Amino acid sequence: MASSSPSQPLPDFTQEARALDEILDAFRSGNLTLESSLTLFEQGVGHLRACQQVLSQSRGRIETLTSALRQEGEALSDLADSLAGDDDDDADESSSDEAQ
């Protein structure tokens, strides 16, 4: 599947899906010649590929974002654990001071 370059914006998923629906409606009507059926089929494949491209790009963006969030969450968890460890050390010190 070809990836889009910065100069070529991604196709609009909604428009591509709508075009696919229109092609399906034409097929369902049963009033197509063989040649027009083949032409519409080719167009449908193009619209389907455009939809797949958008979905693939979106999936990649979601994976990037969730990975970053996961890493940030782990870093925050590690920080919280280390801060909780510092609090435990302070509590241990104050307990030993009171015991003396």
PDB file of N, CA and C in Angstrom:
ATOM      1  N   MET A   1       0.847  -1.170   0.000  1.00  0.00           N
ATOM      2  CA  MET A   1       0.000   0.000   0.000  1.00  0.00           C
ATOM      3  C   MET A   1       0.892   1.232   0.000  1.00  0.00           C
ATOM      4  N   ALA A   2       0.616   2.150  -0.843  1.00  0.00           N
ATOM      5  CA  ALA A   2       1.441   3.344  -0.955  1.00  0.00           C
ATOM      6  C   ALA A   2       1.110   4.312   0.168  1.00  0.00           C
ATOM      7  N   SER A   3       2.157   4.892   0.729  1.00  0.00           N
ATOM      8  CA  SER A   3       1.919   5.898   1.756  1.00  0.00           C
ATOM      9  C   SER A   3       1.866   7.256   1.078  1.00  0.00           C
ATOM     10  N   SER A   4       1.146   8.171   1.690  1.00  0.00           N
ATOM     11  CA  SER A   4       1.016   9.480   1.079  1.00  0.00           C
ATOM     12  C   SER A   4       2.183  10.356   1.479  1.00  0.00           C
ATOM     13  N   SER A   5       2.587  11.202   0.588  1.00  0.00           N
ATOM     14  CA  SER A   5       3.652  12.140   0.890  1.00  0.00           C
ATOM     15  C   SER A   5       3.025  13.399   1.460  1.00  0.00           C
ATOM     16  N   PRO A   6       3.829  14.255   2.078  1.00  0.00           N
ATOM     17  CA  PRO A   6       3.263  15.473   2.662  1.00  0.00           C
ATOM     18  C   PRO A   6       2.524  16.342   1.644  1.00  0.00           C
ATOM     19  N   SER A   7       2.917  16.276   0.353  1.00  0.00           N
ATOM     20  CA  SER A   7       2.256  17.107  -0.642  1.00  0.00           C
ATOM     21  C   SER A   7       0.906  16.538  -1.063  1.00  0.00           C
ATOM     22  N   GLN A   8       0.661  15.261  -0.747  1.00  0.00           N
ATOM     23  CA  GLN A   8      -0.611  14.637  -1.093  1.00  0.00           C
ATOM     24  C   GLN A   8      -1.391  14.366   0.188  1.00  0.00           C
ATOM     25  N   PRO A   9      -2.430  15.171   0.453  1.00  0.00           N
ATOM     26  CA  PRO A   9      -3.213  14.925   1.666  1.00  0.00           C
ATOM     27  C   PRO A   9      -3.964  13.607   1.558  1.00  0.00           C
ATOM     28  N   LEU A  10      -4.262  13.032   2.696  1.00  0.00           N
ATOM     29  CA  LEU A  10      -5.035  11.800   2.715  1.00  0.00           C
ATOM     30  C   LEU A  10      -6.425  12.063   2.159  1.00  0.00           C
ATOM     31  N   PRO A  11      -6.980  11.063   1.480  1.00  0.00           N
ATOM     32  CA  PRO A  11      -8.353  11.224   0.998  1.00  0.00           C
ATOM     33  C   PRO A  11      -9.322  11.334   2.172  1.00  0.00           C
ATOM     34  N   ASP A  12     -10.454  11.934   1.942  1.00  0.00           N
ATOM     35  CA  ASP A  12     -11.475  12.059   2.969  1.00  0.00           C
ATOM     36  C   ASP A  12     -12.211  10.730   3.089  1.00  0.00           C
ATOM     37  N   PHE A  13     -12.110  10.098   4.250  1.00  0.00           N
ATOM     38  CA  PHE A  13     -12.687   8.775   4.451  1.00  0.00           C
ATOM     39  C   PHE A  13     -14.188   8.773   4.197  1.00  0.00           C
ATOM     40  N   THR A  14     -14.870   9.767   4.700  1.00  0.00           N
ATOM     41  CA  THR A  14     -16.328   9.830   4.550  1.00  0.00           C
ATOM     42  C   THR A  14     -16.729   9.922   3.084  1.00  0.00           C
ATOM     43  N   GLN A  15     -16.028  10.750   2.322  1.00  0.00           N
ATOM     44  CA  GLN A  15     -16.342  10.878   0.901  1.00  0.00           C
ATOM     45  C   GLN A  15     -16.067   9.573   0.157  1.00  0.00           C
ATOM     46  N   GLU A  16     -14.962   8.925   0.487  1.00  0.00           N
ATOM     47  CA  GLU A  16     -14.620   7.665  -0.173  1.00  0.00           C
ATOM     48  C   GLU A  16     -15.644   6.578   0.162  1.00  0.00           C
ATOM     49  N   ALA A  17     -16.051   6.507   1.424  1.00  0.00           N
ATOM     50  CA  ALA A  17     -17.041   5.511   1.839  1.00  0.00           C
ATOM     51  C   ALA A  17     -18.395   5.787   1.174  1.00  0.00           C
ATOM     52  N   ARG A  18     -18.741   7.060   1.057  1.00  0.00           N
ATOM     53  CA  ARG A  18     -19.999   7.430   0.400  1.00  0.00           C
ATOM     54  C   ARG A  18     -19.960   7.015  -1.075  1.00  0.00           C
ATOM     55  N   ALA A  19     -18.817   7.227  -1.728  1.00  0.00           N
ATOM     56  CA  ALA A  19     -18.680   6.827  -3.129  1.00  0.00           C
ATOM     57  C   ALA A  19     -18.821   5.311  -3.266  1.00  0.00           C
ATOM     58  N   LEU A  20     -18.261   4.571  -2.322  1.00  0.00           N
ATOM     59  CA  LEU A  20     -18.420   3.111  -2.335  1.00  0.00           C
ATOM     60  C   LEU A  20     -19.891   2.718  -2.197  1.00  0.00           C
ATOM     61  N   ASP A  21     -20.588   3.389  -1.303  1.00  0.00           N
ATOM     62  CA  ASP A  21     -22.026   3.117  -1.128  1.00  0.00           C
ATOM     63  C   ASP A  21     -22.808   3.362  -2.414  1.00  0.00           C
ATOM     64  N   GLU A  22     -22.472   4.446  -3.094  1.00  0.00           N
ATOM     65  CA  GLU A  22     -23.161   4.759  -4.352  1.00  0.00           C
ATOM     66  C   GLU A  22     -22.888   3.681  -5.404  1.00  0.00           C
ATOM     67  N   ILE A  23     -21.667   3.192  -5.446  1.00  0.00           N
ATOM     68  CA  ILE A  23     -21.331   2.124  -6.390  1.00  0.00           C
ATOM     69  C   ILE A  23     -22.107   0.856  -6.044  1.00  0.00           C
ATOM     70  N   LEU A  24     -22.172   0.536  -4.759  1.00  0.00           N
ATOM     71  CA  LEU A  24     -22.943  -0.638  -4.342  1.00  0.00           C
ATOM     72  C   LEU A  24     -24.416  -0.500  -4.715  1.00  0.00           C
ATOM     73  N   ASP A  25     -24.959   0.702  -4.523  1.00  0.00           N
ATOM     74  CA  ASP A  25     -26.357   0.931  -4.910  1.00  0.00           C
ATOM     75  C   ASP A  25     -26.560   0.696  -6.407  1.00  0.00           C
ATOM     76  N   ALA A  26     -25.594   1.136  -7.203  1.00  0.00           N
ATOM     77  CA  ALA A  26     -25.695   0.938  -8.650  1.00  0.00           C
ATOM     78  C   ALA A  26     -25.676  -0.550  -8.988  1.00  0.00           C
ATOM     79  N   PHE A  27     -24.816  -1.303  -8.298  1.00  0.00           N
ATOM     80  CA  PHE A  27     -24.784  -2.750  -8.529  1.00  0.00           C
ATOM     81  C   PHE A  27     -26.094  -3.409  -8.106  1.00  0.00           C
ATOM     82  N   ARG A  28     -26.631  -2.977  -6.985  1.00  0.00           N
ATOM     83  CA  ARG A  28     -27.876  -3.553  -6.476  1.00  0.00           C
ATOM     84  C   ARG A  28     -29.057  -3.283  -7.398  1.00  0.00           C
ATOM     85  N   SER A  29     -28.983  -2.192  -8.144  1.00  0.00           N
ATOM     86  CA  SER A  29     -30.083  -1.863  -9.049  1.00  0.00           C
ATOM     87  C   SER A  29     -30.219  -2.899 -10.161  1.00  0.00           C
ATOM     88  N   GLY A  30     -29.116  -3.536 -10.517  1.00  0.00           N
ATOM     89  CA  GLY A  30     -29.146  -4.556 -11.549  1.00  0.00           C
ATOM     90  C   GLY A  30     -29.303  -4.024 -12.959  1.00  0.00           C
ATOM     91  N   ASN A  31     -29.177  -2.738 -13.140  1.00  0.00           N
ATOM     92  CA  ASN A  31     -29.384  -2.119 -14.461  1.00  0.00           C
ATOM     93  C   ASN A  31     -28.071  -1.723 -15.130  1.00  0.00           C
ATOM     94  N   LEU A  32     -26.993  -2.448 -14.862  1.00  0.00           N
ATOM     95  CA  LEU A  32     -25.687  -2.082 -15.411  1.00  0.00           C
ATOM     96  C   LEU A  32     -25.293  -3.016 -16.538  1.00  0.00           C
ATOM     97  N   THR A  33     -24.630  -2.446 -17.512  1.00  0.00           N
ATOM     98  CA  THR A  33     -24.043  -3.283 -18.559  1.00  0.00           C
ATOM     99  C   THR A  33     -22.756  -3.896 -18.010  1.00  0.00           C
ATOM    100  N   LEU A  34     -22.225  -4.847 -18.708  1.00  0.00           N
ATOM    101  CA  LEU A  34     -20.972  -5.464 -18.281  1.00  0.00           C
ATOM    102  C   LEU A  34     -19.866  -4.427 -18.217  1.00  0.00           C
ATOM    103  N   GLU A  35     -19.789  -3.592 -19.237  1.00  0.00           N
ATOM    104  CA  GLU A  35     -18.730  -2.578 -19.278  1.00  0.00           C
ATOM    105  C   GLU A  35     -18.862  -1.570 -18.123  1.00  0.00           C
ATOM    106  N   SER A  36     -20.064  -1.104 -17.863  1.00  0.00           N
ATOM    107  CA  SER A  36     -20.240  -0.148 -16.762  1.00  0.00           C
ATOM    108  C   SER A  36     -19.996  -0.832 -15.417  1.00  0.00           C
ATOM    109  N   SER A  37     -20.334  -2.114 -15.325  1.00  0.00           N
ATOM    110  CA  SER A  37     -20.053  -2.863 -14.088  1.00  0.00           C
ATOM    111  C   SER A  37     -18.555  -2.941 -13.837  1.00  0.00           C
ATOM    112  N   LEU A  38     -17.789  -3.229 -14.893  1.00  0.00           N
ATOM    113  CA  LEU A  38     -16.334  -3.302 -14.751  1.00  0.00           C
ATOM    114  C   LEU A  38     -15.742  -1.940 -14.376  1.00  0.00           C
ATOM    115  N   THR A  39     -16.251  -0.897 -15.005  1.00  0.00           N
ATOM    116  CA  THR A  39     -15.773   0.458 -14.696  1.00  0.00           C
ATOM    117  C   THR A  39     -16.064   0.816 -13.247  1.00  0.00           C
ATOM    118  N   LEU A  40     -17.284   0.533 -12.812  1.00  0.00           N
ATOM    119  CA  LEU A  40     -17.641   0.831 -11.423  1.00  0.00           C
ATOM    120  C   LEU A  40     -16.833  -0.026 -10.445  1.00  0.00           C
ATOM    121  N   PHE A  41     -16.585  -1.274 -10.818  1.00  0.00           N
ATOM    122  CA  PHE A  41     -15.778  -2.143  -9.967  1.00  0.00           C
ATOM    123  C   PHE A  41     -14.376  -1.566  -9.792  1.00  0.00           C
ATOM    124  N   GLU A  42     -13.778  -1.125 -10.894  1.00  0.00           N
ATOM    125  CA  GLU A  42     -12.443  -0.512 -10.820  1.00  0.00           C
ATOM    126  C   GLU A  42     -12.463   0.732  -9.936  1.00  0.00           C
ATOM    127  N   GLN A  43     -13.500   1.549 -10.098  1.00  0.00           N
ATOM    128  CA  GLN A  43     -13.617   2.748  -9.259  1.00  0.00           C
ATOM    129  C   GLN A  43     -13.780   2.357  -7.793  1.00  0.00           C
ATOM    130  N   GLY A  44     -14.578   1.332  -7.547  1.00  0.00           N
ATOM    131  CA  GLY A  44     -14.785   0.859  -6.181  1.00  0.00           C
ATOM    132  C   GLY A  44     -13.494   0.394  -5.534  1.00  0.00           C
ATOM    133  N   VAL A  45     -12.665  -0.311  -6.302  1.00  0.00           N
ATOM    134  CA  VAL A  45     -11.370  -0.756  -5.783  1.00  0.00           C
ATOM    135  C   VAL A  45     -10.528   0.461  -5.396  1.00  0.00           C
ATOM    136  N   GLY A  46     -10.567   1.493  -6.226  1.00  0.00           N
ATOM    137  CA  GLY A  46      -9.826   2.721  -5.903  1.00  0.00           C
ATOM    138  C   GLY A  46     -10.327   3.371  -4.627  1.00  0.00           C
ATOM    139  N   HIS A  47     -11.633   3.436  -4.456  1.00  0.00           N
ATOM    140  CA  HIS A  47     -12.202   4.024  -3.240  1.00  0.00           C
ATOM    141  C   HIS A  47     -11.875   3.162  -2.016  1.00  0.00           C
ATOM    142  N   LEU A  48     -11.925   1.847  -2.201  1.00  0.00           N
ATOM    143  CA  LEU A  48     -11.594   0.941  -1.102  1.00  0.00           C
ATOM    144  C   LEU A  48     -10.140   1.114  -0.677  1.00  0.00           C
ATOM    145  N   ARG A  49      -9.248   1.220  -1.635  1.00  0.00           N
ATOM    146  CA  ARG A  49      -7.818   1.434  -1.319  1.00  0.00           C
ATOM    147  C   ARG A  49      -7.624   2.759  -0.587  1.00  0.00           C
ATOM    148  N   ALA A  50      -8.341   3.772  -0.999  1.00  0.00           N
ATOM    149  CA  ALA A  50      -8.233   5.074  -0.325  1.00  0.00           C
ATOM    150  C   ALA A  50      -8.700   4.963   1.121  1.00  0.00           C
ATOM    151  N   CYS A  51      -9.799   4.237   1.340  1.00  0.00           N
ATOM    152  CA  CYS A  51     -10.291   4.026   2.709  1.00  0.00           C
ATOM    153  C   CYS A  51      -9.265   3.259   3.538  1.00  0.00           C
ATOM    154  N   GLN A  52      -8.681   2.224   2.949  1.00  0.00           N
ATOM    155  CA  GLN A  52      -7.673   1.438   3.657  1.00  0.00           C
ATOM    156  C   GLN A  52      -6.456   2.283   4.000  1.00  0.00           C
ATOM    157  N   GLN A  53      -6.077   3.184   3.107  1.00  0.00           N
ATOM    158  CA  GLN A  53      -4.947   4.076   3.360  1.00  0.00           C
ATOM    159  C   GLN A  53      -5.229   4.977   4.560  1.00  0.00           C
ATOM    160  N   VAL A  54      -6.412   5.546   4.590  1.00  0.00           N
ATOM    161  CA  VAL A  54      -6.782   6.423   5.704  1.00  0.00           C
ATOM    162  C   VAL A  54      -6.800   5.630   7.012  1.00  0.00           C
ATOM    163  N   LEU A  55      -7.384   4.442   6.977  1.00  0.00           N
ATOM    164  CA  LEU A  55      -7.444   3.616   8.190  1.00  0.00           C
ATOM    165  C   LEU A  55      -6.049   3.202   8.654  1.00  0.00           C
ATOM    166  N   SER A  56      -5.187   2.872   7.718  1.00  0.00           N
ATOM    167  CA  SER A  56      -3.819   2.485   8.069  1.00  0.00           C
ATOM    168  C   SER A  56      -3.067   3.659   8.709  1.00  0.00           C
ATOM    169  N   GLN A  57      -3.203   4.828   8.111  1.00  0.00           N
ATOM    170  CA  GLN A  57      -2.571   6.034   8.673  1.00  0.00           C
ATOM    171  C   GLN A  57      -3.126   6.333  10.067  1.00  0.00           C
ATOM    172  N   SER A  58      -4.423   6.193  10.214  1.00  0.00           N
ATOM    173  CA  SER A  58      -5.055   6.460  11.506  1.00  0.00           C
ATOM    174  C   SER A  58      -4.578   5.463  12.552  1.00  0.00           C
ATOM    175  N   ARG A  59      -4.488   4.192  12.172  1.00  0.00           N
ATOM    176  CA  ARG A  59      -4.008   3.165  13.087  1.00  0.00           C
ATOM    177  C   ARG A  59      -2.584   3.485  13.553  1.00  0.00           C
ATOM    178  N   GLY A  60      -1.738   3.904  12.616  1.00  0.00           N
ATOM    179  CA  GLY A  60      -0.368   4.273  12.962  1.00  0.00           C
ATOM    180  C   GLY A  60      -0.324   5.438  13.938  1.00  0.00           C
ATOM    181  N   ARG A  61      -1.163   6.424  13.710  1.00  0.00           N
ATOM    182  CA  ARG A  61      -1.202   7.580  14.616  1.00  0.00           C
ATOM    183  C   ARG A  61      -1.673   7.163  16.010  1.00  0.00           C
ATOM    184  N   ILE A  62      -2.685   6.298  16.055  1.00  0.00           N
ATOM    185  CA  ILE A  62      -3.202   5.826  17.348  1.00  0.00           C
ATOM    186  C   ILE A  62      -2.135   5.023  18.086  1.00  0.00           C
ATOM    187  N   GLU A  63      -1.425   4.163  17.366  1.00  0.00           N
ATOM    188  CA  GLU A  63      -0.368   3.369  17.993  1.00  0.00           C
ATOM    189  C   GLU A  63       0.740   4.258  18.536  1.00  0.00           C
ATOM    190  N   THR A  64       1.099   5.295  17.790  1.00  0.00           N
ATOM    191  CA  THR A  64       2.122   6.234  18.245  1.00  0.00           C
ATOM    192  C   THR A  64       1.669   6.946  19.515  1.00  0.00           C
ATOM    193  N   LEU A  65       0.426   7.417  19.505  1.00  0.00           N
ATOM    194  CA  LEU A  65      -0.093   8.138  20.679  1.00  0.00           C
ATOM    195  C   LEU A  65      -0.212   7.234  21.899  1.00  0.00           C
ATOM    196  N   THR A  66      -0.733   6.027  21.719  1.00  0.00           N
ATOM    197  CA  THR A  66      -0.891   5.135  22.869  1.00  0.00           C
ATOM    198  C   THR A  66       0.453   4.677  23.402  1.00  0.00           C
ATOM    199  N   SER A  67       1.418   4.500  22.524  1.00  0.00           N
ATOM    200  CA  SER A  67       2.764   4.132  22.973  1.00  0.00           C
ATOM    201  C   SER A  67       3.368   5.253  23.816  1.00  0.00           C
ATOM    202  N   ALA A  68       3.206   6.487  23.338  1.00  0.00           N
ATOM    203  CA  ALA A  68       3.726   7.637  24.088  1.00  0.00           C
ATOM    204  C   ALA A  68       3.025   7.755  25.437  1.00  0.00           C
ATOM    205  N   LEU A  69       1.715   7.563  25.454  1.00  0.00           N
ATOM    206  CA  LEU A  69       0.979   7.635  26.717  1.00  0.00           C
ATOM    207  C   LEU A  69       1.419   6.529  27.675  1.00  0.00           C
ATOM    208  N   ARG A  70       1.631   5.334  27.132  1.00  0.00           N
ATOM    209  CA  ARG A  70       2.073   4.204  27.953  1.00  0.00           C
ATOM    210  C   ARG A  70       3.432   4.520  28.581  1.00  0.00           C
ATOM    211  N   GLN A  71       4.345   5.070  27.782  1.00  0.00           N
ATOM    212  CA  GLN A  71       5.672   5.419  28.294  1.00  0.00           C
ATOM    213  C   GLN A  71       5.579   6.515  29.341  1.00  0.00           C
ATOM    214  N   GLU A  72       4.740   7.513  29.085  1.00  0.00           N
ATOM    215  CA  GLU A  72       4.561   8.583  30.065  1.00  0.00           C
ATOM    216  C   GLU A  72       3.946   8.031  31.345  1.00  0.00           C
ATOM    217  N   GLY A  73       2.984   7.120  31.195  1.00  0.00           N
ATOM    218  CA  GLY A  73       2.347   6.506  32.357  1.00  0.00           C
ATOM    219  C   GLY A  73       3.339   5.709  33.176  1.00  0.00           C
ATOM    220  N   GLU A  74       4.232   4.967  32.503  1.00  0.00           N
ATOM    221  CA  GLU A  74       5.247   4.202  33.216  1.00  0.00           C
ATOM    222  C   GLU A  74       6.206   5.135  33.940  1.00  0.00           C
ATOM    223  N   ALA A  75       6.568   6.239  33.282  1.00  0.00           N
ATOM    224  CA  ALA A  75       7.470   7.199  33.918  1.00  0.00           C
ATOM    225  C   ALA A  75       6.807   7.822  35.145  1.00  0.00           C
ATOM    226  N   LEU A  76       5.522   8.163  35.030  1.00  0.00           N
ATOM    227  CA  LEU A  76       4.804   8.731  36.174  1.00  0.00           C
ATOM    228  C   LEU A  76       4.660   7.703  37.295  1.00  0.00           C
ATOM    229  N   SER A  77       4.430   6.463  36.921  1.00  0.00           N
ATOM    230  CA  SER A  77       4.319   5.396  37.918  1.00  0.00           C
ATOM    231  C   SER A  77       5.642   5.203  38.645  1.00  0.00           C
ATOM    232  N   ASP A  78       6.736   5.216  37.885  1.00  0.00           N
ATOM    233  CA  ASP A  78       8.062   5.095  38.502  1.00  0.00           C
ATOM    234  C   ASP A  78       8.327   6.271  39.436  1.00  0.00           C
ATOM    235  N   LEU A  79       7.954   7.470  39.019  1.00  0.00           N
ATOM    236  CA  LEU A  79       8.136   8.654  39.851  1.00  0.00           C
ATOM    237  C   LEU A  79       7.308   8.546  41.121  1.00  0.00           C
ATOM    238  N   ALA A  80       6.061   8.114  40.975  1.00  0.00           N
ATOM    239  CA  ALA A  80       5.193   7.964  42.143  1.00  0.00           C
ATOM    240  C   ALA A  80       5.757   6.910  43.092  1.00  0.00           C
ATOM    241  N   ASP A  81       6.261   5.804  42.532  1.00  0.00           N
ATOM    242  CA  ASP A  81       6.862   4.766  43.362  1.00  0.00           C
ATOM    243  C   ASP A  81       8.085   5.292  44.103  1.00  0.00           C
ATOM    244  N   SER A  82       8.902   6.069  43.428  1.00  0.00           N
ATOM    245  CA  SER A  82      10.099   6.597  44.084  1.00  0.00           C
ATOM    246  C   SER A  82       9.722   7.626  45.147  1.00  0.00           C
ATOM    247  N   LEU A  83       8.690   8.429  44.870  1.00  0.00           N
ATOM    248  CA  LEU A  83       8.234   9.390  45.874  1.00  0.00           C
ATOM    249  C   LEU A  83       7.620   8.670  47.073  1.00  0.00           C
ATOM    250  N   ALA A  84       6.892   7.604  46.824  1.00  0.00           N
ATOM    251  CA  ALA A  84       6.310   6.824  47.908  1.00  0.00           C
ATOM    252  C   ALA A  84       7.414   6.181  48.719  1.00  0.00           C
ATOM    253  N   GLY A  85       8.480   5.757  48.063  1.00  0.00           N
ATOM    254  CA  GLY A  85       9.627   5.182  48.766  1.00  0.00           C
ATOM    255  C   GLY A  85      10.297   6.215  49.651  1.00  0.00           C
ATOM    256  N   ASP A  86      10.386   7.466  49.182  1.00  0.00           N
ATOM    257  CA  ASP A  86      10.967   8.547  49.988  1.00  0.00           C
ATOM    258  C   ASP A  86      10.103   8.810  51.203  1.00  0.00           C
ATOM    259  N   ASP A  87       8.788   8.771  51.047  1.00  0.00           N
ATOM    260  CA  ASP A  87       7.880   8.987  52.172  1.00  0.00           C
ATOM    261  C   ASP A  87       8.046   7.889  53.205  1.00  0.00           C
ATOM    262  N   ASP A  88       8.223   6.648  52.760  1.00  0.00           N
ATOM    263  CA  ASP A  88       8.428   5.534  53.676  1.00  0.00           C
ATOM    264  C   ASP A  88       9.719   5.714  54.456  1.00  0.00           C
ATOM    265  N   ASP A  89      10.765   6.201  53.773  1.00  0.00           N
ATOM    266  CA  ASP A  89      12.036   6.438  54.453  1.00  0.00           C
ATOM    267  C   ASP A  89      11.876   7.516  55.508  1.00  0.00           C
ATOM    268  N   ASP A  90      11.133   8.583  55.201  1.00  0.00           N
ATOM    269  CA  ASP A  90      10.902   9.661  56.170  1.00  0.00           C
ATOM    270  C   ASP A  90      10.123   9.128  57.365  1.00  0.00           C
ATOM    271  N   ALA A  91       9.134   8.291  57.118  1.00  0.00           N
ATOM    272  CA  ALA A  91       8.332   7.743  58.204  1.00  0.00           C
ATOM    273  C   ALA A  91       9.183   6.822  59.071  1.00  0.00           C
ATOM    274  N   ASP A  92      10.062   6.050  58.453  1.00  0.00           N
ATOM    275  CA  ASP A  92      10.939   5.163  59.209  1.00  0.00           C
ATOM    276  C   ASP A  92      11.879   5.980  60.085  1.00  0.00           C
ATOM    277  N   GLU A  93      12.422   7.085  59.571  1.00  0.00           N
ATOM    278  CA  GLU A  93      13.327   7.927  60.330  1.00  0.00           C
ATOM    279  C   GLU A  93      12.611   8.556  61.516  1.00  0.00           C
ATOM    280  N   SER A  94      11.393   9.040  61.327  1.00  0.00           N
ATOM    281  CA  SER A  94      10.680   9.695  62.422  1.00  0.00           C
ATOM    282  C   SER A  94      10.302   8.659  63.475  1.00  0.00           C
ATOM    283  N   SER A  95      10.009   7.435  63.057  1.00  0.00           N
ATOM    284  CA  SER A  95       9.672   6.375  64.021  1.00  0.00           C
ATOM    285  C   SER A  95      10.888   6.034  64.855  1.00  0.00           C
ATOM    286  N   SER A  96      12.043   5.980  64.231  1.00  0.00           N
ATOM    287  CA  SER A  96      13.257   5.619  64.992  1.00  0.00           C
ATOM    288  C   SER A  96      13.663   6.774  65.893  1.00  0.00           C
ATOM    289  N   ASP A  97      13.383   8.029  65.491  1.00  0.00           N
ATOM    290  CA  ASP A  97      13.690   9.181  66.341  1.00  0.00           C
ATOM    291  C   ASP A  97      12.808   9.162  67.582  1.00  0.00           C
ATOM    292  N   GLU A  98      11.535   8.801  67.421  1.00  0.00           N
ATOM    293  CA  GLU A  98      10.603   8.766  68.539  1.00  0.00           C
ATOM    294  C   GLU A  98      10.955   7.647  69.498  1.00  0.00           C
ATOM    295  N   ALA A  99      11.480   6.557  68.991  1.00  0.00           N
ATOM    296  CA  ALA A  99      11.819   5.414  69.833  1.00  0.00           C
ATOM    297  C   ALA A  99      13.016   5.729  70.712  1.00  0.00           C
ATOM    298  N   GLN A 100      13.868   6.654  70.347  1.00  0.00           N
ATOM    299  CA  GLN A 100      15.068   6.971  71.137  1.00  0.00           C
ATOM    300  C   GLN A 100      14.751   7.897  72.206  1.00  0.00           C
TER     301      GLN A 100
END
